[in-house]
PDB file of N, CA and C in Angstrom:
ATOM      1  N   UNK A   1      79.719  22.733  19.436  1.00  0.00           N
ATOM      2  CA  UNK A   1      79.287  22.486  21.476  1.00  0.00           C
ATOM      3  C   UNK A   1      80.473  21.079  20.712  1.00  0.00           C
ATOM      4  N   UNK A   2      79.611  19.722  19.623  1.00  0.00           N
ATOM      5  CA  UNK A   2      79.942  18.641  19.716  1.00  0.00           C
ATOM      6  C   UNK A   2      81.736  18.780  19.825  1.00  0.00           C
ATOM      7  N   UNK A   3      82.601  19.248  19.684  1.00  0.00           N
ATOM      8  CA  UNK A   3      84.050  19.372  19.208  1.00  0.00           C
ATOM      9  C   UNK A   3      84.128  19.863  21.087  1.00  0.00           C
ATOM     10  N   UNK A   4      83.025  20.830  21.447  1.00  0.00           N
ATOM     11  CA  UNK A   4      84.391  21.241  22.337  1.00  0.00           C
ATOM     12  C   UNK A   4      83.680  19.512  23.883  1.00  0.00           C
ATOM     13  N   UNK A   5      82.532  19.313  23.214  1.00  0.00           N
ATOM     14  CA  UNK A   5      82.264  17.945  24.120  1.00  0.00           C
ATOM     15  C   UNK A   5      83.478  16.911  23.828  1.00  0.00           C
ATOM     16  N   UNK A   6      83.843  16.798  22.596  1.00  0.00           N
ATOM     17  CA  UNK A   6      84.897  15.589  22.234  1.00  0.00           C
ATOM     18  C   UNK A   6      86.437  16.221  23.749  1.00  0.00           C
ATOM     19  N   UNK A   7      86.449  17.291  22.978  1.00  0.00           N
ATOM     20  CA  UNK A   7      87.943  17.731  23.420  1.00  0.00           C
ATOM     21  C   UNK A   7      87.915  17.515  24.818  1.00  0.00           C
ATOM     22  N   UNK A   8      86.437  17.863  25.709  1.00  0.00           N
ATOM     23  CA  UNK A   8      87.311  17.963  27.453  1.00  0.00           C
ATOM     24  C   UNK A   8      86.824  16.185  28.030  1.00  0.00           C
ATOM     25  N   UNK A   9      86.430  15.511  26.524  1.00  0.00           N
ATOM     26  CA  UNK A   9      86.140  13.541  27.268  1.00  0.00           C
ATOM     27  C   UNK A   9      87.212  13.249  27.216  1.00  0.00           C
ATOM     28  N   UNK A  10      87.790  13.554  25.822  1.00  0.00           N
ATOM     29  CA  UNK A  10      89.026  12.634  24.914  1.00  0.00           C
ATOM     30  C   UNK A  10      90.076  13.376  26.615  1.00  0.00           C
ATOM     31  N   UNK A  11      90.029  14.955  26.303  1.00  0.00           N
ATOM     32  CA  UNK A  11      91.657  15.093  27.234  1.00  0.00           C
ATOM     33  C   UNK A  11      90.708  14.840  29.310  1.00  0.00           C
ATOM     34  N   UNK A  12      89.788  14.387  29.270  1.00  0.00           N
ATOM     35  CA  UNK A  12      89.958  13.896  30.575  1.00  0.00           C
ATOM     36  C   UNK A  12      89.986  12.974  30.313  1.00  0.00           C
ATOM     37  N   UNK A  13      89.603  11.524  30.063  1.00  0.00           N
ATOM     38  CA  UNK A  13      90.227  10.431  29.949  1.00  0.00           C
ATOM     39  C   UNK A  13      92.197  10.334  29.562  1.00  0.00           C
ATOM     40  N   UNK A  14      92.409  11.437  28.501  1.00  0.00           N
ATOM     41  CA  UNK A  14      93.753  11.451  28.889  1.00  0.00           C
ATOM     42  C   UNK A  14      94.481  11.733  30.375  1.00  0.00           C
ATOM     43  N   UNK A  15      93.287  12.304  31.298  1.00  0.00           N
ATOM     44  CA  UNK A  15      94.341  12.589  31.972  1.00  0.00           C
ATOM     45  C   UNK A  15      94.071  11.287  32.664  1.00  0.00           C
ATOM     46  N   UNK A  16      93.138  10.237  33.324  1.00  0.00           N
ATOM     47  CA  UNK A  16      92.935   9.212  34.363  1.00  0.00           C
ATOM     48  C   UNK A  16      93.674   8.171  33.887  1.00  0.00           C
ATOM     49  N   UNK A  17      94.210   8.302  32.156  1.00  0.00           N
ATOM     50  CA  UNK A  17      94.612   7.392  31.687  1.00  0.00           C
ATOM     51  C   UNK A  17      96.409   7.787  32.606  1.00  0.00           C
ATOM     52  N   UNK A  18      96.711   8.536  32.123  1.00  0.00           N
ATOM     53  CA  UNK A  18      98.274   9.211  32.619  1.00  0.00           C
ATOM     54  C   UNK A  18      98.039   9.090  34.317  1.00  0.00           C
ATOM     55  N   UNK A  19      97.018   9.301  34.585  1.00  0.00           N
ATOM     56  CA  UNK A  19      97.262   9.840  36.438  1.00  0.00           C
ATOM     57  C   UNK A  19      97.466   7.821  36.927  1.00  0.00           C
ATOM     58  N   UNK A  20      96.567   7.525  35.939  1.00  0.00           N
ATOM     59  CA  UNK A  20      96.505   5.927  36.879  1.00  0.00           C
ATOM     60  C   UNK A  20      98.270   5.588  36.112  1.00  0.00           C
ATOM     61  N   UNK A  21      98.457   5.798  35.266  1.00  0.00           N
ATOM     62  CA  UNK A  21     100.057   4.918  35.005  1.00  0.00           C
ATOM     63  C   UNK A  21     101.162   5.570  36.043  1.00  0.00           C
ATOM     64  N   UNK A  22     101.453   7.083  36.068  1.00  0.00           N
ATOM     65  CA  UNK A  22     101.787   7.581  36.985  1.00  0.00           C
ATOM     66  C   UNK A  22     101.398   7.186  38.268  1.00  0.00           C
ATOM     67  N   UNK A  23     100.318   7.040  38.463  1.00  0.00           N
ATOM     68  CA  UNK A  23     100.414   6.643  40.455  1.00  0.00           C
ATOM     69  C   UNK A  23     100.803   5.479  40.371  1.00  0.00           C
ATOM     70  N   UNK A  24     100.561   4.038  39.265  1.00  0.00           N
ATOM     71  CA  UNK A  24     101.161   2.546  39.270  1.00  0.00           C
ATOM     72  C   UNK A  24     102.806   3.238  39.362  1.00  0.00           C
ATOM     73  N   UNK A  25     103.330   3.690  38.730  1.00  0.00           N
ATOM     74  CA  UNK A  25     105.515   3.618  38.724  1.00  0.00           C
ATOM     75  C   UNK A  25     105.501   4.329  39.635  1.00  0.00           C
ATOM     76  N   UNK A  26     104.712   5.027  40.041  1.00  0.00           N
ATOM     77  CA  UNK A  26     105.182   5.334  41.969  1.00  0.00           C
ATOM     78  C   UNK A  26     104.706   4.181  42.919  1.00  0.00           C
ATOM     79  N   UNK A  27     103.308   4.025  43.346  1.00  0.00           N
ATOM     80  CA  UNK A  27     103.251   2.840  44.456  1.00  0.00           C
ATOM     81  C   UNK A  27     103.097   2.029  44.126  1.00  0.00           C
ATOM     82  N   UNK A  28     103.487   1.251  42.936  1.00  0.00           N
ATOM     83  CA  UNK A  28     104.039  -0.197  42.258  1.00  0.00           C
ATOM     84  C   UNK A  28     103.745  -0.561  41.381  1.00  0.00           C
ATOM     85  N   UNK A  29     105.754  -0.549  42.195  1.00  0.00           N
ATOM     86  CA  UNK A  29     106.859  -0.056  40.986  1.00  0.00           C
ATOM     87  C   UNK A  29     107.017  -1.288  40.641  1.00  0.00           C
ATOM     88  N   UNK A  30     107.298  -2.203  41.421  1.00  0.00           N
ATOM     89  CA  UNK A  30     108.130  -3.400  41.544  1.00  0.00           C
ATOM     90  C   UNK A  30     106.534  -4.353  40.605  1.00  0.00           C
ATOM     91  N   UNK A  31     106.025  -4.148  40.266  1.00  0.00           N
ATOM     92  CA  UNK A  31     105.219  -4.643  39.455  1.00  0.00           C
ATOM     93  C   UNK A  31     105.217  -4.551  37.609  1.00  0.00           C
ATOM     94  N   UNK A  32     105.589  -2.995  37.702  1.00  0.00           N
ATOM     95  CA  UNK A  32     106.434  -1.970  36.719  1.00  0.00           C
ATOM     96  C   UNK A  32     107.586  -2.707  36.486  1.00  0.00           C
ATOM     97  N   UNK A  33     107.975  -2.620  36.892  1.00  0.00           N
ATOM     98  CA  UNK A  33     109.938  -3.213  36.879  1.00  0.00           C
ATOM     99  C   UNK A  33     109.488  -4.592  36.350  1.00  0.00           C
ATOM    100  N   UNK A  34     108.321  -5.010  36.622  1.00  0.00           N
ATOM    101  CA  UNK A  34     108.357  -6.619  36.057  1.00  0.00           C
ATOM    102  C   UNK A  34     108.065  -6.571  34.399  1.00  0.00           C
ATOM    103  N   UNK A  35     107.066  -6.310  34.518  1.00  0.00           N
ATOM    104  CA  UNK A  35     106.783  -5.392  33.322  1.00  0.00           C
ATOM    105  C   UNK A  35     108.076  -4.610  32.521  1.00  0.00           C
ATOM    106  N   UNK A  36     108.598  -4.435  33.033  1.00  0.00           N
ATOM    107  CA  UNK A  36     109.429  -3.486  31.917  1.00  0.00           C
ATOM    108  C   UNK A  36     110.537  -4.558  31.517  1.00  0.00           C
ATOM    109  N   UNK A  37     111.153  -4.997  32.866  1.00  0.00           N
ATOM    110  CA  UNK A  37     112.016  -6.210  32.180  1.00  0.00           C
ATOM    111  C   UNK A  37     111.231  -7.019  31.111  1.00  0.00           C
ATOM    112  N   UNK A  38     110.324  -7.569  31.656  1.00  0.00           N
ATOM    113  CA  UNK A  38     109.934  -8.691  30.744  1.00  0.00           C
ATOM    114  C   UNK A  38     109.369  -7.450  29.161  1.00  0.00           C
ATOM    115  N   UNK A  39     109.776  -6.863  28.557  1.00  0.00           N
ATOM    116  CA  UNK A  39     109.000  -6.440  27.451  1.00  0.00           C
ATOM    117  C   UNK A  39     110.975  -5.629  27.024  1.00  0.00           C
ATOM    118  N   UNK A  40     111.982  -5.879  28.161  1.00  0.00           N
ATOM    119  CA  UNK A  40     113.258  -5.437  28.176  1.00  0.00           C
ATOM    120  C   UNK A  40     114.176  -4.172  27.703  1.00  0.00           C
ATOM    121  N   UNK A  41     112.961  -3.369  28.294  1.00  0.00           N
ATOM    122  CA  UNK A  41     112.967  -2.188  29.024  1.00  0.00           C
ATOM    123  C   UNK A  41     113.903  -1.826  29.366  1.00  0.00           C
ATOM    124  N   UNK A  42     114.768  -0.616  30.415  1.00  0.00           N
ATOM    125  CA  UNK A  42     115.476  -0.369  31.668  1.00  0.00           C
ATOM    126  C   UNK A  42     114.019   0.133  32.536  1.00  0.00           C
ATOM    127  N   UNK A  43     114.546  -0.289  33.501  1.00  0.00           N
ATOM    128  CA  UNK A  43     113.749  -0.239  34.408  1.00  0.00           C
ATOM    129  C   UNK A  43     113.820   1.228  35.278  1.00  0.00           C
ATOM    130  N   UNK A  44     114.869   2.498  35.310  1.00  0.00           N
ATOM    131  CA  UNK A  44     115.755   3.208  35.678  1.00  0.00           C
ATOM    132  C   UNK A  44     114.658   4.658  34.678  1.00  0.00           C
ATOM    133  N   UNK A  45     113.679   3.775  33.786  1.00  0.00           N
ATOM    134  CA  UNK A  45     113.251   4.853  32.514  1.00  0.00           C
ATOM    135  C   UNK A  45     111.388   4.645  33.581  1.00  0.00           C
ATOM    136  N   UNK A  46     110.901   3.808  34.543  1.00  0.00           N
ATOM    137  CA  UNK A  46     109.788   4.559  35.563  1.00  0.00           C
ATOM    138  C   UNK A  46     110.134   5.248  35.556  1.00  0.00           C
ATOM    139  N   UNK A  47     111.151   5.953  36.762  1.00  0.00           N
ATOM    140  CA  UNK A  47     110.105   7.237  37.577  1.00  0.00           C
ATOM    141  C   UNK A  47     110.602   8.105  36.593  1.00  0.00           C
ATOM    142  N   UNK A  48     111.206   8.421  35.486  1.00  0.00           N
ATOM    143  CA  UNK A  48     111.394   9.541  34.638  1.00  0.00           C
ATOM    144  C   UNK A  48     109.767   9.496  33.728  1.00  0.00           C
ATOM    145  N   UNK A  49     109.045   8.096  33.451  1.00  0.00           N
ATOM    146  CA  UNK A  49     108.121   8.580  32.465  1.00  0.00           C
ATOM    147  C   UNK A  49     106.762   9.042  33.426  1.00  0.00           C
ATOM    148  N   UNK A  50     107.030   8.478  34.983  1.00  0.00           N
ATOM    149  CA  UNK A  50     106.204   8.912  35.819  1.00  0.00           C
ATOM    150  C   UNK A  50     106.267  10.489  35.642  1.00  0.00           C
ATOM    151  N   UNK A  51     106.783  10.904  35.747  1.00  0.00           N
ATOM    152  CA  UNK A  51     107.264  12.678  36.568  1.00  0.00           C
ATOM    153  C   UNK A  51     106.876  13.600  34.944  1.00  0.00           C
ATOM    154  N   UNK A  52     107.592  12.868  33.999  1.00  0.00           N
ATOM    155  CA  UNK A  52     107.213  13.149  32.763  1.00  0.00           C
ATOM    156  C   UNK A  52     104.899  13.204  32.104  1.00  0.00           C
ATOM    157  N   UNK A  53     104.743  12.611  32.372  1.00  0.00           N
ATOM    158  CA  UNK A  53     103.617  12.114  32.046  1.00  0.00           C
ATOM    159  C   UNK A  53     102.466  13.241  32.797  1.00  0.00           C
ATOM    160  N   UNK A  54     103.177  13.264  34.425  1.00  0.00           N
ATOM    161  CA  UNK A  54     102.335  14.683  35.485  1.00  0.00           C
ATOM    162  C   UNK A  54     103.067  15.442  34.542  1.00  0.00           C
ATOM    163  N   UNK A  55     104.350  16.407  33.902  1.00  0.00           N
ATOM    164  CA  UNK A  55     104.332  17.896  33.492  1.00  0.00           C
ATOM    165  C   UNK A  55     103.435  17.635  32.341  1.00  0.00           C
ATOM    166  N   UNK A  56     103.657  16.808  31.237  1.00  0.00           N
ATOM    167  CA  UNK A  56     103.011  16.767  30.344  1.00  0.00           C
ATOM    168  C   UNK A  56     101.260  17.346  30.833  1.00  0.00           C
ATOM    169  N   UNK A  57     100.440  16.249  31.531  1.00  0.00           N
ATOM    170  CA  UNK A  57      99.066  17.108  32.127  1.00  0.00           C
ATOM    171  C   UNK A  57      99.510  18.822  33.312  1.00  0.00           C
ATOM    172  N   UNK A  58      99.330  18.898  33.245  1.00  0.00           N
ATOM    173  CA  UNK A  58     100.767  19.973  33.969  1.00  0.00           C
ATOM    174  C   UNK A  58     100.269  20.864  33.070  1.00  0.00           C
ATOM    175  N   UNK A  59     100.963  20.797  31.528  1.00  0.00           N
ATOM    176  CA  UNK A  59     100.937  21.808  30.438  1.00  0.00           C
ATOM    177  C   UNK A  59      99.901  22.145  29.744  1.00  0.00           C
ATOM    178  N   UNK A  60      99.463  20.870  29.735  1.00  0.00           N
ATOM    179  CA  UNK A  60      98.231  20.404  28.714  1.00  0.00           C
ATOM    180  C   UNK A  60      97.179  21.599  29.673  1.00  0.00           C
ATOM    181  N   UNK A  61      96.794  21.417  31.458  1.00  0.00           N
ATOM    182  CA  UNK A  61      95.931  21.303  31.076  1.00  0.00           C
ATOM    183  C   UNK A  61      96.549  23.901  32.440  1.00  0.00           C
ATOM    184  N   UNK A  62      97.201  23.122  32.172  1.00  0.00           N
ATOM    185  CA  UNK A  62      97.884  24.986  32.772  1.00  0.00           C
ATOM    186  C   UNK A  62      97.733  25.561  31.053  1.00  0.00           C
ATOM    187  N   UNK A  63      97.724  25.474  30.073  1.00  0.00           N
ATOM    188  CA  UNK A  63      97.349  26.090  28.694  1.00  0.00           C
ATOM    189  C   UNK A  63      98.848  27.312  28.680  1.00  0.00           C
ATOM    190  N   UNK A  64     100.080  26.837  29.695  1.00  0.00           N
ATOM    191  CA  UNK A  64     101.060  27.940  29.553  1.00  0.00           C
ATOM    192  C   UNK A  64     101.632  29.240  28.133  1.00  0.00           C
ATOM    193  N   UNK A  65     101.659  28.135  27.649  1.00  0.00           N
ATOM    194  CA  UNK A  65     102.483  28.226  26.228  1.00  0.00           C
ATOM    195  C   UNK A  65     102.344  27.176  24.725  1.00  0.00           C
ATOM    196  N   UNK A  66     102.156  27.701  23.434  1.00  0.00           N
ATOM    197  CA  UNK A  66     101.639  26.659  22.644  1.00  0.00           C
ATOM    198  C   UNK A  66     102.577  25.628  23.012  1.00  0.00           C
ATOM    199  N   UNK A  67     103.908  25.563  22.702  1.00  0.00           N
ATOM    200  CA  UNK A  67     104.929  25.237  21.818  1.00  0.00           C
ATOM    201  C   UNK A  67     105.398  24.624  23.262  1.00  0.00           C
ATOM    202  N   UNK A  68     104.654  24.438  24.238  1.00  0.00           N
ATOM    203  CA  UNK A  68     104.863  23.935  25.679  1.00  0.00           C
ATOM    204  C   UNK A  68     103.538  22.238  25.602  1.00  0.00           C
ATOM    205  N   UNK A  69     102.267  22.913  25.261  1.00  0.00           N
ATOM    206  CA  UNK A  69     101.559  22.114  24.821  1.00  0.00           C
ATOM    207  C   UNK A  69     102.062  20.669  23.511  1.00  0.00           C
ATOM    208  N   UNK A  70     102.885  21.722  22.278  1.00  0.00           N
ATOM    209  CA  UNK A  70     102.589  20.990  22.048  1.00  0.00           C
ATOM    210  C   UNK A  70     103.547  19.242  21.626  1.00  0.00           C
ATOM    211  N   UNK A  71     104.939  19.781  23.006  1.00  0.00           N
ATOM    212  CA  UNK A  71     105.666  18.697  22.735  1.00  0.00           C
ATOM    213  C   UNK A  71     105.770  17.955  24.622  1.00  0.00           C
ATOM    214  N   UNK A  72     103.633  18.418  25.052  1.00  0.00           N
ATOM    215  CA  UNK A  72     103.532  17.455  26.147  1.00  0.00           C
ATOM    216  C   UNK A  72     102.659  16.378  24.585  1.00  0.00           C
ATOM    217  N   UNK A  73     101.767  16.703  24.003  1.00  0.00           N
ATOM    218  CA  UNK A  73     101.039  16.232  23.402  1.00  0.00           C
ATOM    219  C   UNK A  73     102.032  15.233  22.121  1.00  0.00           C
ATOM    220  N   UNK A  74     103.251  15.709  22.037  1.00  0.00           N
ATOM    221  CA  UNK A  74     104.302  14.803  20.888  1.00  0.00           C
ATOM    222  C   UNK A  74     104.207  13.490  21.723  1.00  0.00           C
ATOM    223  N   UNK A  75     105.017  13.522  23.371  1.00  0.00           N
ATOM    224  CA  UNK A  75     105.264  12.970  23.948  1.00  0.00           C
ATOM    225  C   UNK A  75     104.187  12.318  24.052  1.00  0.00           C
ATOM    226  N   UNK A  76     103.339  12.287  24.670  1.00  0.00           N
ATOM    227  CA  UNK A  76     101.862  11.840  24.811  1.00  0.00           C
ATOM    228  C   UNK A  76     101.373  10.847  23.714  1.00  0.00           C
ATOM    229  N   UNK A  77     102.504  11.182  22.800  1.00  0.00           N
ATOM    230  CA  UNK A  77     101.535  10.951  20.774  1.00  0.00           C
ATOM    231  C   UNK A  77     102.871   9.390  20.922  1.00  0.00           C
ATOM    232  N   UNK A  78     103.906   9.986  21.094  1.00  0.00           N
ATOM    233  CA  UNK A  78     105.150   8.645  21.270  1.00  0.00           C
ATOM    234  C   UNK A  78     104.973   7.530  21.979  1.00  0.00           C
ATOM    235  N   UNK A  79     105.177   7.795  23.963  1.00  0.00           N
ATOM    236  CA  UNK A  79     104.467   7.248  24.907  1.00  0.00           C
ATOM    237  C   UNK A  79     103.519   6.054  24.448  1.00  0.00           C
ATOM    238  N   UNK A  80     101.854   6.825  24.324  1.00  0.00           N
ATOM    239  CA  UNK A  80     100.946   5.787  24.020  1.00  0.00           C
ATOM    240  C   UNK A  80     100.882   4.786  22.644  1.00  0.00           C
ATOM    241  N   UNK A  81     102.050   5.207  21.735  1.00  0.00           N
ATOM    242  CA  UNK A  81     102.087   4.673  20.447  1.00  0.00           C
ATOM    243  C   UNK A  81     103.425   3.558  20.596  1.00  0.00           C
ATOM    244  N   UNK A  82     104.482   3.764  21.446  1.00  0.00           N
ATOM    245  CA  UNK A  82     104.919   2.262  21.800  1.00  0.00           C
ATOM    246  C   UNK A  82     104.893   1.699  22.585  1.00  0.00           C
ATOM    247  N   UNK A  83     103.649   1.842  23.730  1.00  0.00           N
ATOM    248  CA  UNK A  83     103.279   1.470  24.960  1.00  0.00           C
ATOM    249  C   UNK A  83     102.536   0.174  23.523  1.00  0.00           C
ATOM    250  N   UNK A  84     101.473   0.543  22.899  1.00  0.00           N
ATOM    251  CA  UNK A  84     101.026  -0.747  22.126  1.00  0.00           C
ATOM    252  C   UNK A  84     101.896  -1.272  21.740  1.00  0.00           C
ATOM    253  N   UNK A  85     102.588  -1.051  20.959  1.00  0.00           N
ATOM    254  CA  UNK A  85     103.228  -2.156  20.005  1.00  0.00           C
ATOM    255  C   UNK A  85     104.126  -2.476  21.037  1.00  0.00           C
ATOM    256  N   UNK A  86     104.472  -2.228  22.711  1.00  0.00           N
ATOM    257  CA  UNK A  86     105.427  -3.601  23.554  1.00  0.00           C
ATOM    258  C   UNK A  86     104.689  -4.200  23.952  1.00  0.00           C
ATOM    259  N   UNK A  87     103.351  -3.645  24.112  1.00  0.00           N
ATOM    260  CA  UNK A  87     102.127  -4.124  24.393  1.00  0.00           C
ATOM    261  C   UNK A  87     101.452  -5.335  23.651  1.00  0.00           C
ATOM    262  N   UNK A  88     102.142  -5.025  22.528  1.00  0.00           N
ATOM    263  CA  UNK A  88     101.320  -6.017  21.350  1.00  0.00           C
ATOM    264  C   UNK A  88     102.900  -6.951  21.368  1.00  0.00           C
ATOM    265  N   UNK A  89     103.072  -6.691  21.335  1.00  0.00           N
ATOM    266  CA  UNK A  89     105.253  -7.965  21.232  1.00  0.00           C
ATOM    267  C   UNK A  89     105.069  -8.455  22.221  1.00  0.00           C
ATOM    268  N   UNK A  90     105.343  -8.415  23.168  1.00  0.00           N
ATOM    269  CA  UNK A  90     104.799  -9.252  24.404  1.00  0.00           C
ATOM    270  C   UNK A  90     103.478 -10.328  24.375  1.00  0.00           C
ATOM    271  N   UNK A  91     102.491  -9.648  23.750  1.00  0.00           N
ATOM    272  CA  UNK A  91     101.006 -10.462  23.299  1.00  0.00           C
ATOM    273  C   UNK A  91     101.112 -10.346  25.123  1.00  0.00           C
ATOM    274  N   UNK A  92     100.840  -9.418  25.805  1.00  0.00           N
ATOM    275  CA  UNK A  92     100.404  -9.708  27.923  1.00  0.00           C
ATOM    276  C   UNK A  92      98.545  -9.105  26.991  1.00  0.00           C
ATOM    277  N   UNK A  93      98.016  -8.869  26.102  1.00  0.00           N
ATOM    278  CA  UNK A  93      96.677  -8.592  26.469  1.00  0.00           C
ATOM    279  C   UNK A  93      96.920  -7.134  27.217  1.00  0.00           C
ATOM    280  N   UNK A  94      96.863  -5.900  27.286  1.00  0.00           N
ATOM    281  CA  UNK A  94      97.102  -4.412  27.529  1.00  0.00           C
ATOM    282  C   UNK A  94      97.596  -4.236  26.588  1.00  0.00           C
ATOM    283  N   UNK A  95      97.587  -4.015  25.563  1.00  0.00           N
ATOM    284  CA  UNK A  95      97.547  -3.242  24.468  1.00  0.00           C
ATOM    285  C   UNK A  95      96.356  -2.380  23.693  1.00  0.00           C
ATOM    286  N   UNK A  96      95.039  -2.489  24.994  1.00  0.00           N
ATOM    287  CA  UNK A  96      94.180  -2.194  24.629  1.00  0.00           C
ATOM    288  C   UNK A  96      93.649  -0.601  25.584  1.00  0.00           C
ATOM    289  N   UNK A  97      93.731  -0.509  26.333  1.00  0.00           N
ATOM    290  CA  UNK A  97      94.330   0.582  26.948  1.00  0.00           C
ATOM    291  C   UNK A  97      95.693   1.323  25.890  1.00  0.00           C
ATOM    292  N   UNK A  98      96.645   1.656  26.099  1.00  0.00           N
ATOM    293  CA  UNK A  98      97.221   2.313  24.995  1.00  0.00           C
ATOM    294  C   UNK A  98      96.491   2.139  24.178  1.00  0.00           C
ATOM    295  N   UNK A  99      95.741   1.785  23.473  1.00  0.00           N
ATOM    296  CA  UNK A  99      95.439   1.742  21.974  1.00  0.00           C
ATOM    297  C   UNK A  99      94.291   3.254  22.301  1.00  0.00           C
ATOM    298  N   UNK A 100      93.039   3.256  23.436  1.00  0.00           N
ATOM    299  CA  UNK A 100      92.316   3.944  24.122  1.00  0.00           C
ATOM    300  C   UNK A 100      93.258   5.282  24.324  1.00  0.00           C
ATOM    301  N   UNK A 101      93.913   5.234  25.521  1.00  0.00           N
ATOM    302  CA  UNK A 101      95.111   6.269  25.777  1.00  0.00           C
ATOM    303  C   UNK A 101      94.998   7.139  23.888  1.00  0.00           C
ATOM    304  N   UNK A 102      96.237   6.595  23.019  1.00  0.00           N
ATOM    305  CA  UNK A 102      96.167   7.501  21.929  1.00  0.00           C
ATOM    306  C   UNK A 102      94.979   7.554  20.755  1.00  0.00           C
ATOM    307  N   UNK A 103      93.898   7.966  21.189  1.00  0.00           N
ATOM    308  CA  UNK A 103      93.089   7.998  19.961  1.00  0.00           C
ATOM    309  C   UNK A 103      92.258   9.105  21.597  1.00  0.00           C
ATOM    310  N   UNK A 104      92.320   8.857  22.282  1.00  0.00           N
ATOM    311  CA  UNK A 104      92.267  10.199  23.253  1.00  0.00           C
ATOM    312  C   UNK A 104      93.375  11.734  23.566  1.00  0.00           C
ATOM    313  N   UNK A 105      94.856  10.868  22.853  1.00  0.00           N
ATOM    314  CA  UNK A 105      95.555  12.040  22.998  1.00  0.00           C
ATOM    315  C   UNK A 105      95.042  12.798  21.288  1.00  0.00           C
ATOM    316  N   UNK A 106      94.605  12.102  20.596  1.00  0.00           N
ATOM    317  CA  UNK A 106      94.826  12.224  18.884  1.00  0.00           C
ATOM    318  C   UNK A 106      93.539  13.406  19.221  1.00  0.00           C
ATOM    319  N   UNK A 107      92.153  12.501  19.867  1.00  0.00           N
ATOM    320  CA  UNK A 107      90.759  13.829  19.363  1.00  0.00           C
ATOM    321  C   UNK A 107      91.433  14.538  20.339  1.00  0.00           C
ATOM    322  N   UNK A 108      91.507  14.647  21.721  1.00  0.00           N
ATOM    323  CA  UNK A 108      91.759  16.110  22.584  1.00  0.00           C
ATOM    324  C   UNK A 108      93.216  17.081  21.544  1.00  0.00           C
ATOM    325  N   UNK A 109      94.280  16.204  20.646  1.00  0.00           N
ATOM    326  CA  UNK A 109      94.768  17.439  19.850  1.00  0.00           C
ATOM    327  C   UNK A 109      94.323  18.054  19.615  1.00  0.00           C
ATOM    328  N   UNK A 110      93.990  17.820  18.456  1.00  0.00           N
ATOM    329  CA  UNK A 110      92.900  17.389  17.145  1.00  0.00           C
ATOM    330  C   UNK A 110      91.730  19.112  17.691  1.00  0.00           C
ATOM    331  N   UNK A 111      91.018  18.839  19.034  1.00  0.00           N
ATOM    332  CA  UNK A 111      90.213  19.224  18.657  1.00  0.00           C
ATOM    333  C   UNK A 111      90.070  20.658  19.442  1.00  0.00           C
ATOM    334  N   UNK A 112      91.543  20.251  20.290  1.00  0.00           N
ATOM    335  CA  UNK A 112      91.701  21.085  21.184  1.00  0.00           C
ATOM    336  C   UNK A 112      92.339  22.610  20.119  1.00  0.00           C
ATOM    337  N   UNK A 113      93.072  21.670  18.502  1.00  0.00           N
ATOM    338  CA  UNK A 113      93.503  23.355  18.338  1.00  0.00           C
ATOM    339  C   UNK A 113      91.886  24.623  18.057  1.00  0.00           C
ATOM    340  N   UNK A 114      91.051  23.746  17.884  1.00  0.00           N
ATOM    341  CA  UNK A 114      89.986  24.311  17.433  1.00  0.00           C
ATOM    342  C   UNK A 114      88.988  24.786  18.869  1.00  0.00           C
ATOM    343  N   UNK A 115      89.272  24.405  19.918  1.00  0.00           N
ATOM    344  CA  UNK A 115      88.288  24.976  21.011  1.00  0.00           C
ATOM    345  C   UNK A 115      89.024  25.432  21.490  1.00  0.00           C
ATOM    346  N   UNK A 116      90.640  25.064  21.992  1.00  0.00           N
ATOM    347  CA  UNK A 116      90.715  26.240  23.485  1.00  0.00           C
ATOM    348  C   UNK A 116      91.786  27.633  22.263  1.00  0.00           C
ATOM    349  N   UNK A 117      91.716  28.928  22.537  1.00  0.00           N
ATOM    350  CA  UNK A 117      92.615  30.181  21.891  1.00  0.00           C
ATOM    351  C   UNK A 117      94.692  29.004  22.106  1.00  0.00           C
TER     352      UNK A 117
END
């Protein structure tokens, strides 16, 4: 029962964080572009990352294919790890959100393997 609660809570938190991120990528583009430039990343990555986050969430919630789900979790893993270190290295104080997202990814992935078929 505890694993189910952890799974649904962590997946919900992951979903909220990624939807918030994708929303900002689409509707607060200039501020996000400024962050990307400050971190040294090209701004042309913003829209593809937003779309990838949405598609990853659809894959996780849709439960279409185990292979696709593994890829979605891998994408979220790399996204959160790289986001954490990017924010940490430029010292903008925004790395806590990425750390929370990373914990949510890990909890959702490992508890989901036991909870969902």
